[in-house]
PDB file of N, CA and C in Angstrom:
ATOM      1  N   GLN A   1     -58.453 -29.373 -13.287  1.00  0.00           N
ATOM      2  CA  GLN A   1     -57.134 -29.057 -13.462  1.00  0.00           C
ATOM      3  C   GLN A   1     -56.289 -30.206 -13.939  1.00  0.00           C
ATOM      4  N   LEU A   2     -56.534 -31.441 -13.439  1.00  0.00           N
ATOM      5  CA  LEU A   2     -55.680 -32.565 -13.820  1.00  0.00           C
ATOM      6  C   LEU A   2     -55.884 -32.834 -15.359  1.00  0.00           C
ATOM      7  N   ALA A   3     -57.107 -32.530 -15.948  1.00  0.00           N
ATOM      8  CA  ALA A   3     -57.406 -32.738 -17.236  1.00  0.00           C
ATOM      9  C   ALA A   3     -56.543 -31.829 -18.158  1.00  0.00           C
ATOM     10  N   GLN A   4     -56.421 -30.510 -17.643  1.00  0.00           N
ATOM     11  CA  GLN A   4     -55.720 -29.538 -18.352  1.00  0.00           C
ATOM     12  C   GLN A   4     -54.166 -29.972 -18.377  1.00  0.00           C
ATOM     13  N   PHE A   5     -53.705 -30.413 -17.281  1.00  0.00           N
ATOM     14  CA  PHE A   5     -52.298 -30.726 -17.137  1.00  0.00           C
ATOM     15  C   PHE A   5     -52.014 -31.919 -18.196  1.00  0.00           C
ATOM     16  N   CYS A   6     -52.882 -32.969 -18.082  1.00  0.00           N
ATOM     17  CA  CYS A   6     -52.712 -33.986 -19.065  1.00  0.00           C
ATOM     18  C   CYS A   6     -52.853 -33.654 -20.572  1.00  0.00           C
ATOM     19  N   ARG A   7     -53.766 -32.754 -20.812  1.00  0.00           N
ATOM     20  CA  ARG A   7     -53.875 -32.258 -22.122  1.00  0.00           C
ATOM     21  C   ARG A   7     -52.641 -31.548 -22.687  1.00  0.00           C
ATOM     22  N   VAL A   8     -52.119 -30.662 -21.779  1.00  0.00           N
ATOM     23  CA  VAL A   8     -50.830 -29.958 -22.199  1.00  0.00           C
ATOM     24  C   VAL A   8     -49.726 -31.027 -22.370  1.00  0.00           C
ATOM     25  N   LEU A   9     -49.653 -31.897 -21.419  1.00  0.00           N
ATOM     26  CA  LEU A   9     -48.502 -32.962 -21.391  1.00  0.00           C
ATOM     27  C   LEU A   9     -48.754 -33.764 -22.670  1.00  0.00           C
ATOM     28  N   SER A  10     -49.846 -34.085 -23.141  1.00  0.00           N
ATOM     29  CA  SER A  10     -49.941 -35.030 -24.339  1.00  0.00           C
ATOM     30  C   SER A  10     -49.945 -34.277 -25.627  1.00  0.00           C
ATOM     31  N   THR A  11     -50.416 -33.093 -25.689  1.00  0.00           N
ATOM     32  CA  THR A  11     -50.338 -32.230 -26.962  1.00  0.00           C
ATOM     33  C   THR A  11     -49.137 -31.383 -27.170  1.00  0.00           C
ATOM     34  N   GLY A  12     -48.515 -30.948 -25.989  1.00  0.00           N
ATOM     35  CA  GLY A  12     -47.423 -30.014 -26.102  1.00  0.00           C
ATOM     36  C   GLY A  12     -47.831 -28.503 -26.524  1.00  0.00           C
ATOM     37  N   MET A  13     -49.134 -28.187 -26.323  1.00  0.00           N
ATOM     38  CA  MET A  13     -49.692 -26.997 -26.678  1.00  0.00           C
ATOM     39  C   MET A  13     -49.945 -26.156 -25.367  1.00  0.00           C
ATOM     40  N   LEU A  14     -49.243 -25.027 -25.216  1.00  0.00           N
ATOM     41  CA  LEU A  14     -49.432 -24.192 -24.039  1.00  0.00           C
ATOM     42  C   LEU A  14     -50.881 -23.568 -23.984  1.00  0.00           C
ATOM     43  N   GLU A  15     -51.434 -23.582 -22.748  1.00  0.00           N
ATOM     44  CA  GLU A  15     -52.731 -22.972 -22.523  1.00  0.00           C
ATOM     45  C   GLU A  15     -52.644 -21.799 -21.605  1.00  0.00           C
ATOM     46  N   THR A  16     -51.621 -21.906 -20.732  1.00  0.00           N
ATOM     47  CA  THR A  16     -51.296 -20.631 -19.845  1.00  0.00           C
ATOM     48  C   THR A  16     -49.764 -20.525 -19.775  1.00  0.00           C
ATOM     49  N   THR A  17     -49.420 -19.369 -19.257  1.00  0.00           N
ATOM     50  CA  THR A  17     -47.927 -19.272 -18.957  1.00  0.00           C
ATOM     51  C   THR A  17     -47.287 -20.196 -18.080  1.00  0.00           C
ATOM     52  N   CYS A  18     -48.070 -20.750 -17.154  1.00  0.00           N
ATOM     53  CA  CYS A  18     -47.514 -21.748 -16.207  1.00  0.00           C
ATOM     54  C   CYS A  18     -47.161 -23.055 -16.829  1.00  0.00           C
ATOM     55  N   ASP A  19     -47.684 -23.335 -18.113  1.00  0.00           N
ATOM     56  CA  ASP A  19     -47.527 -24.578 -18.728  1.00  0.00           C
ATOM     57  C   ASP A  19     -46.168 -24.829 -19.334  1.00  0.00           C
ATOM     58  N   ALA A  20     -45.317 -23.905 -19.338  1.00  0.00           N
ATOM     59  CA  ALA A  20     -43.967 -24.043 -19.869  1.00  0.00           C
ATOM     60  C   ALA A  20     -43.214 -25.173 -19.258  1.00  0.00           C
ATOM     61  N   THR A  21     -43.345 -25.408 -17.908  1.00  0.00           N
ATOM     62  CA  THR A  21     -42.672 -26.450 -17.214  1.00  0.00           C
ATOM     63  C   THR A  21     -43.254 -27.807 -17.579  1.00  0.00           C
ATOM     64  N   ILE A  22     -44.483 -27.929 -17.958  1.00  0.00           N
ATOM     65  CA  ILE A  22     -45.075 -29.105 -18.423  1.00  0.00           C
ATOM     66  C   ILE A  22     -44.414 -29.528 -19.765  1.00  0.00           C
ATOM     67  N   ILE A  23     -44.156 -28.563 -20.575  1.00  0.00           N
ATOM     68  CA  ILE A  23     -43.571 -28.726 -21.915  1.00  0.00           C
ATOM     69  C   ILE A  23     -42.118 -29.298 -21.761  1.00  0.00           C
ATOM     70  N   LYS A  24     -41.386 -28.637 -20.748  1.00  0.00           N
ATOM     71  CA  LYS A  24     -40.039 -29.193 -20.425  1.00  0.00           C
ATOM     72  C   LYS A  24     -40.106 -30.643 -20.073  1.00  0.00           C
ATOM     73  N   LEU A  25     -41.120 -30.987 -19.154  1.00  0.00           N
ATOM     74  CA  LEU A  25     -41.222 -32.309 -18.754  1.00  0.00           C
ATOM     75  C   LEU A  25     -41.540 -33.235 -19.956  1.00  0.00           C
ATOM     76  N   ARG A  26     -42.467 -32.815 -20.738  1.00  0.00           N
ATOM     77  CA  ARG A  26     -42.867 -33.554 -21.951  1.00  0.00           C
ATOM     78  C   ARG A  26     -41.699 -33.899 -22.867  1.00  0.00           C
ATOM     79  N   ASP A  27     -40.881 -32.892 -23.131  1.00  0.00           N
ATOM     80  CA  ASP A  27     -39.673 -33.011 -23.959  1.00  0.00           C
ATOM     81  C   ASP A  27     -38.807 -34.094 -23.280  1.00  0.00           C
ATOM     82  N   GLN A  28     -38.498 -34.041 -21.997  1.00  0.00           N
ATOM     83  CA  GLN A  28     -37.667 -35.024 -21.390  1.00  0.00           C
ATOM     84  C   GLN A  28     -38.301 -36.433 -21.398  1.00  0.00           C
ATOM     85  N   LEU A  29     -39.544 -36.567 -21.191  1.00  0.00           N
ATOM     86  CA  LEU A  29     -40.202 -37.811 -21.343  1.00  0.00           C
ATOM     87  C   LEU A  29     -40.083 -38.419 -22.700  1.00  0.00           C
ATOM     88  N   MET A  30     -40.302 -37.461 -23.730  1.00  0.00           N
ATOM     89  CA  MET A  30     -40.180 -37.973 -25.128  1.00  0.00           C
ATOM     90  C   MET A  30     -38.776 -38.445 -25.329  1.00  0.00           C
ATOM     91  N   ALA A  31     -37.776 -37.662 -24.849  1.00  0.00           N
ATOM     92  CA  ALA A  31     -36.349 -37.947 -25.211  1.00  0.00           C
ATOM     93  C   ALA A  31     -35.947 -39.214 -24.561  1.00  0.00           C
ATOM     94  N   THR A  32     -36.501 -39.568 -23.276  1.00  0.00           N
ATOM     95  CA  THR A  32     -36.017 -40.769 -22.630  1.00  0.00           C
ATOM     96  C   THR A  32     -36.701 -41.946 -23.354  1.00  0.00           C
ATOM     97  N   GLY A  33     -38.007 -41.774 -23.705  1.00  0.00           N
ATOM     98  CA  GLY A  33     -38.750 -42.939 -24.450  1.00  0.00           C
ATOM     99  C   GLY A  33     -39.137 -43.979 -23.421  1.00  0.00           C
ATOM    100  N   SER A  34     -39.499 -45.109 -23.961  1.00  0.00           N
ATOM    101  CA  SER A  34     -39.873 -46.194 -23.119  1.00  0.00           C
ATOM    102  C   SER A  34     -38.744 -46.989 -22.480  1.00  0.00           C
ATOM    103  N   THR A  35     -38.840 -47.272 -21.306  1.00  0.00           N
ATOM    104  CA  THR A  35     -37.697 -48.009 -20.623  1.00  0.00           C
ATOM    105  C   THR A  35     -38.166 -48.921 -19.578  1.00  0.00           C
ATOM    106  N   ARG A  36     -37.427 -50.091 -19.391  1.00  0.00           N
ATOM    107  CA  ARG A  36     -37.822 -50.953 -18.266  1.00  0.00           C
ATOM    108  C   ARG A  36     -36.934 -50.707 -17.107  1.00  0.00           C
ATOM    109  N   ASN A  37     -35.975 -49.832 -17.253  1.00  0.00           N
ATOM    110  CA  ASN A  37     -35.115 -49.504 -16.120  1.00  0.00           C
ATOM    111  C   ASN A  37     -35.887 -48.807 -15.014  1.00  0.00           C
ATOM    112  N   ARG A  38     -36.046 -49.646 -13.881  1.00  0.00           N
ATOM    113  CA  ARG A  38     -36.798 -49.094 -12.699  1.00  0.00           C
ATOM    114  C   ARG A  38     -36.242 -47.723 -12.075  1.00  0.00           C
ATOM    115  N   THR A  39     -35.046 -47.610 -12.103  1.00  0.00           N
ATOM    116  CA  THR A  39     -34.350 -46.412 -11.540  1.00  0.00           C
ATOM    117  C   THR A  39     -34.802 -45.120 -12.458  1.00  0.00           C
ATOM    118  N   ILE A  40     -34.664 -45.341 -13.686  1.00  0.00           N
ATOM    119  CA  ILE A  40     -35.122 -44.182 -14.589  1.00  0.00           C
ATOM    120  C   ILE A  40     -36.685 -43.992 -14.423  1.00  0.00           C
ATOM    121  N   GLN A  41     -37.509 -45.044 -14.414  1.00  0.00           N
ATOM    122  CA  GLN A  41     -38.981 -44.925 -14.288  1.00  0.00           C
ATOM    123  C   GLN A  41     -39.288 -44.159 -13.003  1.00  0.00           C
ATOM    124  N   LYS A  42     -38.629 -44.531 -11.888  1.00  0.00           N
ATOM    125  CA  LYS A  42     -38.898 -43.858 -10.585  1.00  0.00           C
ATOM    126  C   LYS A  42     -38.524 -42.414 -10.709  1.00  0.00           C
ATOM    127  N   GLU A  43     -37.340 -42.121 -11.264  1.00  0.00           N
ATOM    128  CA  GLU A  43     -36.881 -40.650 -11.385  1.00  0.00           C
ATOM    129  C   GLU A  43     -37.946 -39.871 -12.258  1.00  0.00           C
ATOM    130  N   LEU A  44     -38.345 -40.480 -13.362  1.00  0.00           N
ATOM    131  CA  LEU A  44     -39.350 -39.762 -14.197  1.00  0.00           C
ATOM    132  C   LEU A  44     -40.661 -39.509 -13.415  1.00  0.00           C
ATOM    133  N   TYR A  45     -41.122 -40.614 -12.801  1.00  0.00           N
ATOM    134  CA  TYR A  45     -42.379 -40.365 -12.016  1.00  0.00           C
ATOM    135  C   TYR A  45     -42.197 -39.242 -10.974  1.00  0.00           C
ATOM    136  N   GLY A  46     -41.097 -39.199 -10.330  1.00  0.00           N
ATOM    137  CA  GLY A  46     -40.902 -38.243  -9.320  1.00  0.00           C
ATOM    138  C   GLY A  46     -40.885 -36.775  -9.962  1.00  0.00           C
ATOM    139  N   LYS A  47     -40.316 -36.762 -11.246  1.00  0.00           N
ATOM    140  CA  LYS A  47     -40.379 -35.388 -11.851  1.00  0.00           C
ATOM    141  C   LYS A  47     -41.747 -35.123 -12.219  1.00  0.00           C
ATOM    142  N   VAL A  48     -42.556 -36.047 -12.680  1.00  0.00           N
ATOM    143  CA  VAL A  48     -43.981 -35.709 -13.005  1.00  0.00           C
ATOM    144  C   VAL A  48     -44.689 -35.169 -11.804  1.00  0.00           C
ATOM    145  N   GLU A  49     -44.530 -35.850 -10.621  1.00  0.00           N
ATOM    146  CA  GLU A  49     -45.078 -35.455  -9.363  1.00  0.00           C
ATOM    147  C   GLU A  49     -44.682 -33.994  -8.977  1.00  0.00           C
ATOM    148  N   ARG A  50     -43.391 -33.677  -9.074  1.00  0.00           N
ATOM    149  CA  ARG A  50     -42.926 -32.351  -8.838  1.00  0.00           C
ATOM    150  C   ARG A  50     -43.495 -31.330  -9.632  1.00  0.00           C
ATOM    151  N   VAL A  51     -43.511 -31.563 -11.031  1.00  0.00           N
ATOM    152  CA  VAL A  51     -44.009 -30.633 -11.929  1.00  0.00           C
ATOM    153  C   VAL A  51     -45.497 -30.418 -11.689  1.00  0.00           C
ATOM    154  N   LEU A  52     -46.219 -31.539 -11.531  1.00  0.00           N
ATOM    155  CA  LEU A  52     -47.716 -31.405 -11.241  1.00  0.00           C
ATOM    156  C   LEU A  52     -47.887 -30.561  -9.991  1.00  0.00           C
ATOM    157  N   THR A  53     -47.168 -30.725  -8.837  1.00  0.00           N
ATOM    158  CA  THR A  53     -47.341 -30.156  -7.609  1.00  0.00           C
ATOM    159  C   THR A  53     -47.183 -28.660  -7.815  1.00  0.00           C
ATOM    160  N   HIS A  54     -46.041 -28.205  -8.489  1.00  0.00           N
ATOM    161  CA  HIS A  54     -45.770 -26.831  -8.644  1.00  0.00           C
ATOM    162  C   HIS A  54     -46.781 -26.164  -9.571  1.00  0.00           C
ATOM    163  N   TRP A  55     -47.141 -26.881 -10.586  1.00  0.00           N
ATOM    164  CA  TRP A  55     -48.197 -26.313 -11.522  1.00  0.00           C
ATOM    165  C   TRP A  55     -49.548 -26.089 -10.871  1.00  0.00           C
ATOM    166  N   LEU A  56     -49.949 -26.997 -10.011  1.00  0.00           N
ATOM    167  CA  LEU A  56     -51.155 -26.851  -9.271  1.00  0.00           C
ATOM    168  C   LEU A  56     -51.044 -25.544  -8.398  1.00  0.00           C
ATOM    169  N   ASN A  57     -49.897 -25.255  -7.917  1.00  0.00           N
ATOM    170  CA  ASN A  57     -49.701 -24.089  -7.189  1.00  0.00           C
ATOM    171  C   ASN A  57     -49.410 -22.786  -7.901  1.00  0.00           C
ATOM    172  N   GLY A  58     -49.467 -22.956  -9.235  1.00  0.00           N
ATOM    173  CA  GLY A  58     -49.245 -21.764 -10.116  1.00  0.00           C
ATOM    174  C   GLY A  58     -47.757 -21.406 -10.145  1.00  0.00           C
ATOM    175  N   GLU A  59     -46.794 -22.334  -9.870  1.00  0.00           N
ATOM    176  CA  GLU A  59     -45.465 -22.056  -9.920  1.00  0.00           C
ATOM    177  C   GLU A  59     -44.875 -22.753 -11.244  1.00  0.00           C
ATOM    178  N   THR A  60     -43.726 -22.142 -11.593  1.00  0.00           N
ATOM    179  CA  THR A  60     -42.875 -22.808 -12.699  1.00  0.00           C
ATOM    180  C   THR A  60     -41.519 -22.973 -12.229  1.00  0.00           C
ATOM    181  N   ARG A  61     -40.788 -23.916 -12.812  1.00  0.00           N
ATOM    182  CA  ARG A  61     -39.507 -24.246 -12.596  1.00  0.00           C
ATOM    183  C   ARG A  61     -38.574 -24.334 -13.648  1.00  0.00           C
ATOM    184  N   SER A  62     -37.389 -23.964 -13.683  1.00  0.00           N
ATOM    185  CA  SER A  62     -36.517 -24.058 -14.772  1.00  0.00           C
ATOM    186  C   SER A  62     -35.723 -25.309 -14.885  1.00  0.00           C
ATOM    187  N   VAL A  63     -35.569 -26.009 -13.708  1.00  0.00           N
ATOM    188  CA  VAL A  63     -34.932 -27.201 -13.644  1.00  0.00           C
ATOM    189  C   VAL A  63     -35.867 -28.238 -13.067  1.00  0.00           C
ATOM    190  N   LEU A  64     -35.910 -29.502 -13.786  1.00  0.00           N
ATOM    191  CA  LEU A  64     -36.730 -30.468 -13.370  1.00  0.00           C
ATOM    192  C   LEU A  64     -36.066 -31.452 -12.440  1.00  0.00           C
ATOM    193  N   ARG A  65     -36.597 -31.568 -11.223  1.00  0.00           N
ATOM    194  CA  ARG A  65     -35.876 -32.536 -10.207  1.00  0.00           C
ATOM    195  C   ARG A  65     -37.105 -33.418  -9.744  1.00  0.00           C
ATOM    196  N   PRO A  66     -36.787 -34.612  -9.434  1.00  0.00           N
ATOM    197  CA  PRO A  66     -37.708 -35.518  -8.800  1.00  0.00           C
ATOM    198  C   PRO A  66     -38.002 -35.199  -7.478  1.00  0.00           C
ATOM    199  N   VAL A  67     -39.251 -35.441  -6.922  1.00  0.00           N
ATOM    200  CA  VAL A  67     -39.521 -35.272  -5.541  1.00  0.00           C
ATOM    201  C   VAL A  67     -38.776 -36.296  -4.645  1.00  0.00           C
ATOM    202  N   THR A  68     -38.666 -36.020  -3.414  1.00  0.00           N
ATOM    203  CA  THR A  68     -37.974 -36.874  -2.475  1.00  0.00           C
ATOM    204  C   THR A  68     -38.938 -37.784  -1.597  1.00  0.00           C
ATOM    205  N   SER A  69     -40.244 -37.396  -1.839  1.00  0.00           N
ATOM    206  CA  SER A  69     -41.265 -38.236  -1.069  1.00  0.00           C
ATOM    207  C   SER A  69     -42.545 -38.168  -1.946  1.00  0.00           C
ATOM    208  N   GLU A  70     -43.397 -39.182  -1.780  1.00  0.00           N
ATOM    209  CA  GLU A  70     -44.680 -39.271  -2.387  1.00  0.00           C
ATOM    210  C   GLU A  70     -45.571 -38.003  -2.193  1.00  0.00           C
ATOM    211  N   GLN A  71     -45.996 -37.287  -3.188  1.00  0.00           N
ATOM    212  CA  GLN A  71     -46.751 -36.134  -3.084  1.00  0.00           C
ATOM    213  C   GLN A  71     -48.265 -36.426  -3.082  1.00  0.00           C
ATOM    214  N   PHE A  72     -48.696 -37.570  -3.686  1.00  0.00           N
ATOM    215  CA  PHE A  72     -50.063 -37.833  -3.808  1.00  0.00           C
ATOM    216  C   PHE A  72     -50.416 -39.206  -3.244  1.00  0.00           C
ATOM    217  N   MET A  73     -50.452 -39.289  -2.066  1.00  0.00           N
ATOM    218  CA  MET A  73     -50.737 -40.672  -1.320  1.00  0.00           C
ATOM    219  C   MET A  73     -51.987 -41.125  -1.712  1.00  0.00           C
ATOM    220  N   LEU A  74     -52.006 -42.480  -1.915  1.00  0.00           N
ATOM    221  CA  LEU A  74     -53.248 -43.299  -2.156  1.00  0.00           C
ATOM    222  C   LEU A  74     -53.888 -43.561  -0.837  1.00  0.00           C
ATOM    223  N   PRO A  75     -55.127 -43.523  -0.713  1.00  0.00           N
ATOM    224  CA  PRO A  75     -55.884 -43.926   0.519  1.00  0.00           C
ATOM    225  C   PRO A  75     -55.651 -45.486   0.715  1.00  0.00           C
ATOM    226  N   GLU A  76     -55.620 -45.862   1.944  1.00  0.00           N
ATOM    227  CA  GLU A  76     -55.412 -47.340   2.242  1.00  0.00           C
ATOM    228  C   GLU A  76     -56.756 -47.981   2.482  1.00  0.00           C
TER     229      GLU A  76
END
């Protein structure tokens, strides 16, 4: 599933109806471009996490918001 998410994010080509939110995220990432601003980087990462979480659950969202807590904890 992660490969499909990344493919849609990188190509911009819909594969399922749930992919529309990934395209919104892609558009926002492309519009923002590269930045060294840590606040913007953190916000964008939070949006990627939220979109991925909702997409994995088969959900779509019309508004992209960052998560408030880490969704994919790394093992220690």
